[in-house]
Protein backbone atom coordinates (compact mmCIF):
# COMPACT_ATOMS: atom_id res chain seq x y z
CA MET A 1 186.62 10.91 -44.46
CA LYS A 2 186.06 7.19 -44.96
CA ILE A 3 185.68 5.19 -41.72
CA MET A 4 185.90 1.39 -41.56
CA THR A 5 184.39 -0.41 -38.56
CA THR A 6 184.13 -4.14 -37.80
CA TYR A 7 181.48 -5.93 -35.77
CA LYS A 8 181.58 -9.62 -34.92
CA THR A 9 178.59 -11.95 -35.09
CA LYS A 10 178.82 -15.25 -33.26
CA ILE A 11 177.91 -18.44 -35.10
CA ARG A 12 175.74 -20.31 -32.64
CA ASP A 13 176.87 -23.81 -33.64
CA SER A 14 180.58 -24.61 -33.77
CA HIS A 15 181.05 -26.84 -36.79
CA ARG A 16 184.11 -28.92 -37.53
CA ALA A 17 183.65 -27.93 -41.17
CA LEU A 18 184.59 -24.33 -40.33
CA ALA A 19 187.94 -25.41 -38.91
CA ASN A 20 188.54 -27.64 -41.94
CA THR A 21 187.75 -24.75 -44.28
CA VAL A 22 190.23 -22.42 -42.60
CA GLY A 23 192.86 -25.18 -42.56
CA ILE A 24 192.54 -25.84 -46.30
CA TYR A 25 192.59 -22.11 -47.04
CA ARG A 26 195.88 -21.77 -45.15
CA GLN A 27 197.33 -24.75 -47.02
CA ALA A 28 196.35 -23.09 -50.29
CA VAL A 29 198.06 -19.85 -49.24
CA ASP A 30 201.22 -21.79 -48.34
CA PHE A 31 201.16 -23.46 -51.77
CA LEU A 32 200.67 -20.10 -53.50
CA ILE A 33 203.48 -18.50 -51.49
CA GLY A 34 205.81 -21.08 -53.01
CA VAL A 35 204.48 -20.26 -56.47
CA ALA A 36 204.94 -16.52 -55.89
CA LEU A 37 208.52 -17.06 -54.72
CA GLU A 38 209.29 -19.08 -57.85
CA GLU A 39 207.68 -16.51 -60.15
CA TRP A 40 208.84 -13.38 -58.33
CA ASN A 41 211.28 -12.27 -61.03
CA SER A 42 208.37 -11.82 -63.43
CA LEU A 43 205.83 -10.68 -60.82
CA LYS A 44 207.97 -7.80 -59.55
CA GLU A 45 207.85 -6.23 -63.04
CA ILE A 46 204.03 -6.03 -62.84
CA GLU A 47 202.77 -2.88 -61.14
CA ARG A 48 199.04 -3.49 -60.66
CA SER A 49 198.00 -6.02 -58.01
CA LEU A 50 195.09 -7.27 -60.13
CA GLU A 51 197.45 -8.13 -62.97
CA LYS A 52 199.72 -10.00 -60.53
CA GLN A 53 196.70 -11.97 -59.39
CA ARG A 54 195.83 -12.87 -62.96
CA ALA A 55 199.40 -13.93 -63.71
CA ILE A 56 199.43 -16.34 -60.75
CA GLU A 57 195.96 -17.64 -61.60
CA CYS A 58 197.04 -18.45 -65.16
CA ALA A 59 200.00 -20.38 -63.76
CA ILE A 60 197.94 -22.56 -61.40
CA HIS A 61 194.34 -22.83 -62.64
CA HIS A 62 193.15 -25.18 -65.39
CA THR A 63 190.66 -23.70 -67.87
CA LYS A 64 189.55 -24.43 -71.43
CA SER A 65 191.87 -21.73 -72.76
CA ASN A 66 194.63 -22.75 -70.31
CA PRO A 67 194.68 -26.57 -70.36
CA CYS A 68 198.22 -27.06 -69.03
CA PRO A 69 199.04 -24.68 -66.16
CA LYS A 70 202.60 -24.62 -64.88
CA TYR A 71 201.64 -25.56 -61.31
CA ASP A 72 199.10 -28.25 -60.44
CA PHE A 73 196.90 -26.40 -57.97
CA ASP A 74 193.55 -27.85 -59.04
CA SER A 75 194.42 -31.51 -58.40
CA ARG A 76 195.52 -30.73 -54.84
CA PHE A 77 192.70 -28.28 -54.08
CA GLY A 78 189.84 -29.59 -56.16
CA LYS A 79 186.68 -27.48 -56.63
CA PHE A 80 188.31 -24.64 -54.69
CA PRO A 81 185.90 -21.64 -54.81
CA SER A 82 187.12 -19.07 -57.33
CA TYR A 83 186.76 -16.06 -55.01
CA LEU A 84 188.64 -17.86 -52.23
CA ARG A 85 191.37 -18.79 -54.71
CA ARG A 86 191.83 -15.17 -55.76
CA ALA A 87 191.82 -14.03 -52.14
CA ALA A 88 194.49 -16.63 -51.35
CA ILE A 89 196.58 -15.43 -54.32
CA THR A 90 196.39 -11.83 -53.12
CA GLU A 91 197.36 -12.91 -49.60
CA ALA A 92 200.33 -14.92 -50.87
CA VAL A 93 201.60 -12.16 -53.17
CA GLY A 94 201.37 -9.65 -50.33
CA LYS A 95 203.37 -11.86 -47.97
CA VAL A 96 206.06 -12.53 -50.58
CA SER A 97 206.29 -8.85 -51.49
CA SER A 98 206.76 -7.94 -47.82
CA TYR A 99 209.39 -10.68 -47.43
CA LYS A 100 211.35 -9.50 -50.47
CA SER A 101 211.26 -5.90 -49.25
CA ASN A 102 212.39 -6.85 -45.74
CA TYR A 103 215.13 -9.09 -47.14
CA ALA A 104 216.43 -6.27 -49.36
CA ASN A 105 216.53 -3.94 -46.36
CA TRP A 106 218.33 -6.60 -44.32
CA GLU A 107 220.93 -7.09 -47.09
CA GLY A 108 221.58 -3.34 -47.16
CA ASN A 109 221.93 -3.20 -43.37
CA PRO A 110 222.42 -6.75 -42.02
CA GLN A 111 221.45 -6.22 -38.39
CA GLY A 112 219.45 -8.73 -36.41
CA LYS A 113 218.05 -11.96 -37.72
CA GLU A 114 217.66 -12.71 -41.41
CA PRO A 115 213.98 -12.52 -42.51
CA GLY A 116 212.45 -15.97 -42.72
CA ILE A 117 210.53 -17.48 -45.62
CA PRO A 118 206.88 -16.37 -45.29
CA VAL A 119 204.14 -18.80 -44.29
CA ALA A 120 200.37 -18.49 -44.19
CA GLY A 121 200.21 -18.30 -40.39
CA TYR A 122 196.96 -17.52 -38.60
CA ILE A 123 195.00 -16.00 -41.46
CA TYR A 124 191.27 -16.32 -42.08
CA PRO A 125 189.28 -16.35 -45.34
CA ALA A 126 186.96 -13.62 -46.55
CA MET A 127 183.53 -15.07 -47.35
CA TYR A 128 182.55 -13.32 -50.58
CA ARG A 129 178.85 -12.91 -51.31
CA ASP A 130 177.10 -15.38 -53.59
CA ASN A 131 180.30 -17.40 -54.02
CA CYS A 132 180.92 -18.20 -50.32
CA PHE A 133 178.27 -16.36 -48.28
CA VAL A 134 174.51 -16.00 -48.78
CA ARG A 135 171.98 -14.56 -46.36
CA THR A 136 168.95 -16.83 -46.01
CA GLY A 137 167.19 -14.87 -43.26
CA THR A 138 167.66 -12.21 -40.61
CA TYR A 139 169.51 -14.58 -38.29
CA THR A 140 170.57 -17.31 -40.71
CA ALA A 141 173.13 -17.62 -43.49
CA ARG A 142 174.80 -20.18 -45.77
CA LEU A 143 178.56 -20.58 -46.00
CA LYS A 144 180.57 -22.43 -48.66
CA VAL A 145 182.79 -24.73 -46.56
CA TRP A 146 184.83 -27.91 -46.86
CA ILE A 147 182.44 -30.61 -45.64
CA ARG A 148 182.09 -34.31 -46.44
CA ASN A 149 185.30 -34.16 -48.53
CA THR A 150 183.94 -31.52 -50.89
CA TRP A 151 182.98 -27.87 -51.05
CA ASP A 152 179.32 -27.50 -50.15
CA TRP A 153 176.90 -25.09 -48.49
CA LEU A 154 176.38 -25.13 -44.72
CA ASP A 155 173.46 -23.44 -42.98
CA VAL A 156 174.49 -21.54 -39.84
CA GLN A 157 172.61 -19.66 -37.13
CA LEU A 158 173.83 -16.18 -36.12
CA ARG A 159 173.43 -14.89 -32.59
CA LYS A 160 170.33 -12.69 -32.39
CA SER A 161 171.82 -10.02 -30.08
CA ASP A 162 174.78 -9.48 -32.43
CA VAL A 163 172.60 -9.17 -35.51
CA ASP A 164 170.17 -6.79 -33.76
CA TYR A 165 173.06 -4.59 -32.64
CA ILE A 166 174.42 -4.36 -36.19
CA ARG A 167 170.95 -3.61 -37.62
CA ARG A 168 170.45 -0.86 -35.07
CA TYR A 169 173.77 0.96 -35.38
CA CYS A 170 174.89 0.13 -38.92
CA ALA A 171 171.72 0.49 -40.94
CA THR A 172 173.06 3.51 -42.84
CA ARG A 173 176.55 2.07 -43.45
CA LYS A 174 177.76 0.05 -46.40
CA GLU A 175 178.29 -3.61 -45.50
CA CYS A 176 181.47 -5.17 -46.89
CA VAL A 177 182.56 -8.79 -47.20
CA PRO A 178 182.50 -10.75 -43.89
CA THR A 179 185.49 -12.72 -42.63
CA LEU A 180 185.27 -16.12 -40.96
CA ARG A 181 187.26 -16.01 -37.73
CA ARG A 182 187.79 -18.11 -34.62
CA ARG A 183 188.14 -16.67 -31.12
CA GLY A 184 188.77 -19.21 -28.43
CA LYS A 185 186.40 -22.10 -29.06
CA ASN A 186 183.78 -20.05 -30.88
CA TRP A 187 183.41 -19.06 -34.53
CA TYR A 188 182.40 -15.61 -35.72
CA LEU A 189 181.63 -13.72 -38.89
CA ASP A 190 183.35 -10.33 -38.76
CA PHE A 191 181.32 -7.81 -40.75
CA THR A 192 183.15 -4.71 -41.94
CA PHE A 193 181.18 -1.53 -42.59
CA GLU A 194 182.20 1.50 -44.60
CA GLU A 195 180.97 4.99 -43.81
CA ASN A 196 181.71 8.42 -45.25
CA VAL A 197 181.78 11.15 -42.58
CA LYS A 198 182.15 14.84 -43.27
CA LEU A 199 184.40 16.51 -40.73
CA GLU A 200 183.73 19.99 -39.48
CA ASP A 201 186.13 22.42 -41.12
CA LYS A 202 187.20 24.64 -38.22
CA PRO A 203 189.94 27.25 -38.29
CA ILE A 204 193.07 26.14 -36.46
CA ASP A 205 192.69 28.79 -33.75
CA ARG A 206 189.28 27.34 -32.81
CA GLN A 207 190.22 23.67 -32.72
CA ILE A 208 190.41 21.63 -29.51
CA ILE A 209 193.25 19.12 -29.21
CA ILE A 210 193.48 15.99 -27.06
CA GLY A 211 197.10 15.24 -26.18
CA VAL A 212 197.61 11.60 -25.15
CA ASP A 213 200.54 10.59 -22.93
CA LEU A 214 200.92 6.79 -22.75
CA GLY A 215 202.85 5.80 -19.66
CA ILE A 216 203.81 2.96 -17.33
CA ASN A 217 202.42 4.13 -13.98
CA ASN A 218 199.15 5.19 -15.63
CA ALA A 219 197.68 3.68 -18.77
CA CYS A 220 197.30 7.12 -20.30
CA THR A 221 196.79 10.80 -19.51
CA CYS A 222 194.56 12.84 -21.80
CA SER A 223 194.86 16.63 -21.79
CA ALA A 224 192.35 18.82 -23.62
CA MET A 225 193.98 21.99 -24.94
CA LEU A 226 193.13 25.01 -27.02
CA SER A 227 195.26 26.10 -29.96
CA ASP A 228 197.25 28.53 -27.77
CA GLY A 229 198.22 25.75 -25.34
CA THR A 230 195.63 26.50 -22.63
CA VAL A 231 194.66 23.28 -20.84
CA ILE A 232 190.91 23.12 -20.37
CA GLY A 233 190.71 19.62 -18.91
CA ARG A 234 192.69 16.54 -17.99
CA LYS A 235 191.65 12.91 -17.48
CA ILE A 236 193.83 10.05 -16.19
CA LEU A 237 193.26 6.32 -16.71
CA SER A 238 195.03 4.14 -14.13
CA LEU A 239 193.78 0.52 -14.55
CA PRO A 240 195.52 -0.77 -11.35
CA ARG A 241 193.85 -4.18 -11.59
CA GLU A 242 195.15 -4.82 -15.11
CA LYS A 243 198.61 -3.56 -14.16
CA ASP A 244 198.86 -5.94 -11.18
CA SER A 245 197.59 -8.84 -13.31
CA LEU A 246 200.20 -8.13 -16.00
CA GLU A 247 203.04 -7.83 -13.46
CA HIS A 248 201.95 -11.13 -11.89
CA LYS A 249 202.04 -12.90 -15.25
CA LEU A 250 205.40 -11.35 -16.21
CA ASN A 251 206.86 -12.52 -12.89
CA LYS A 252 205.71 -16.06 -13.71
CA ILE A 253 207.52 -15.82 -17.03
CA LYS A 254 210.71 -14.56 -15.32
CA LYS A 255 210.65 -17.42 -12.82
CA ALA A 256 210.13 -19.96 -15.60
CA GLN A 257 213.07 -18.45 -17.49
CA GLN A 258 215.25 -18.68 -14.37
CA HIS A 259 214.49 -22.42 -14.23
CA GLY A 260 215.61 -22.91 -17.83
CA ALA A 261 212.31 -22.67 -19.71
CA ARG A 262 212.71 -21.21 -23.20
CA LYS A 263 209.32 -21.42 -24.89
CA MET A 264 206.28 -20.60 -22.77
CA PRO A 265 203.42 -20.01 -25.23
CA ARG A 266 200.66 -20.28 -22.63
CA LEU A 267 202.28 -17.86 -20.20
CA TRP A 268 203.02 -15.36 -22.96
CA ALA A 269 199.47 -15.75 -24.31
CA LYS A 270 198.04 -14.80 -20.91
CA ALA A 271 200.30 -11.75 -20.66
CA LYS A 272 199.42 -10.66 -24.18
CA GLY A 273 195.73 -11.10 -23.39
CA VAL A 274 195.96 -8.69 -20.45
CA ASN A 275 197.94 -6.25 -22.58
CA LEU A 276 195.33 -6.41 -25.35
CA ASP A 277 192.51 -5.83 -22.86
CA THR A 278 194.41 -2.79 -21.52
CA ALA A 279 194.80 -1.44 -25.04
CA HIS A 280 191.07 -1.79 -25.75
CA LYS A 281 190.10 -0.01 -22.53
CA THR A 282 192.66 2.72 -23.21
CA ALA A 283 191.38 3.29 -26.75
CA GLN A 284 187.79 3.51 -25.49
CA PHE A 285 188.85 5.96 -22.77
CA ILE A 286 190.61 8.22 -25.30
CA ALA A 287 187.55 8.21 -27.56
CA ASP A 288 185.27 9.04 -24.61
CA VAL A 289 187.48 11.96 -23.56
CA ALA A 290 187.56 13.27 -27.14
CA MET A 291 183.75 13.15 -27.30
CA LEU A 292 183.47 14.80 -23.87
CA TYR A 293 185.47 17.86 -24.92
CA SER A 294 184.25 17.87 -28.56
CA ALA A 295 187.84 17.52 -29.73
CA ASP A 296 188.88 18.01 -33.33
CA VAL A 297 192.31 16.34 -33.20
CA ILE A 298 193.94 13.60 -31.10
CA VAL A 299 197.75 13.69 -30.87
CA PHE A 300 199.84 10.76 -29.62
CA GLU A 301 203.39 10.95 -28.40
CA HIS A 302 206.19 8.93 -29.99
CA LEU A 303 207.47 6.02 -27.88
CA ASP A 304 210.61 4.20 -29.03
CA THR A 305 210.06 0.51 -28.25
CA GLN A 306 213.19 -0.82 -29.96
CA GLY A 307 215.90 -2.77 -28.17
CA GLU A 308 215.97 -5.36 -25.41
CA GLU A 309 215.24 -2.90 -22.58
CA ALA A 310 212.03 -1.76 -24.24
CA ARG A 311 210.55 -5.25 -24.63
CA LEU A 312 209.12 -5.37 -21.11
CA GLU A 313 208.13 -1.72 -21.36
CA GLU A 314 206.16 -2.52 -24.48
CA ALA A 315 204.42 -5.36 -22.64
CA GLU A 316 203.53 -3.04 -19.74
CA THR A 317 202.05 -0.28 -21.90
CA PRO A 318 199.06 -0.44 -24.26
CA SER A 319 199.53 -1.44 -27.85
CA LEU A 320 198.76 2.14 -28.91
CA ALA A 321 202.37 3.02 -28.04
CA GLY A 322 203.60 2.48 -31.58
CA THR A 323 202.32 5.77 -32.99
CA SER A 324 204.89 8.28 -34.14
CA CYS A 325 203.55 11.69 -33.19
CA ALA A 326 200.51 11.10 -35.36
CA ALA A 327 197.46 13.35 -35.31
CA TYR A 328 193.98 11.98 -35.88
CA ARG A 329 190.78 13.85 -36.67
CA CYS A 330 187.77 13.04 -34.47
CA ARG A 331 184.29 12.30 -35.67
CA LYS A 332 181.42 14.20 -34.11
CA SER A 333 178.80 11.45 -34.07
CA PRO A 334 178.86 8.46 -31.68
CA PRO A 335 179.75 5.03 -33.09
């Protein structure tokens, strides 16, 4: 089984150039979304994603063999790194494809709001090696960023504790392309690692199952069972502090709504932050229980979170509630 894990590494100095780079990348994706919408009739006939990318690139990028592209991308985004351009094309085509699919489903069953035209939103660029990212030392790197009104290299310092942690636990894993990302006021490079793990092939009658019940009163209840249904252990995660904090923030939102407030991004952001923290702690708890009982499979219940009545329920339960009776195989080695 192939396992993908991501570890963040803090960039010690927060540079304005990093924010400018992300901003220009999002503008480029917005421009390319418009191109993909215009060319969708021809793009939808192409099956392979790489060929779609090439078709868009021929329509926007000036080369010696393509002196007059249909869309003037290069004059607006001069010296745009080639790998970033192709990543932006892939992002734009994916968003337009999703929009067209959702719009077709909405036309077949017009319930709810009509899907809106896609936009770049809060996306972040992948920093491809050699073209946008180069390691210059154990704790240093160079990034291709938009600085001084051009694309140039910027030397950055990576936090030592983050790098040491990755070197210790990910030495045997394959390192993939990092992503430049902002969290709060700090900038990070998110490194993704790929690992192939061989699962133990046990007969079904010898497998141990962890059944997960996601609830409202408790964050989750994990029951360890044998194949014949015998319960050999049960663990409950309550998280009363997080529950009280979330209820307090939801009550603030209700009071603001009673006084006529319609958009409350800061209040909703605080509530979503508590909910995300609850989801992380719940996921860690489930993994710890699975390791404790040497489980082979984790099974989640199906929770229907559709409709107006389920909106608050979804906010009060961890984000793991969207699984539809899915079973997951456990790995036997610690992360």
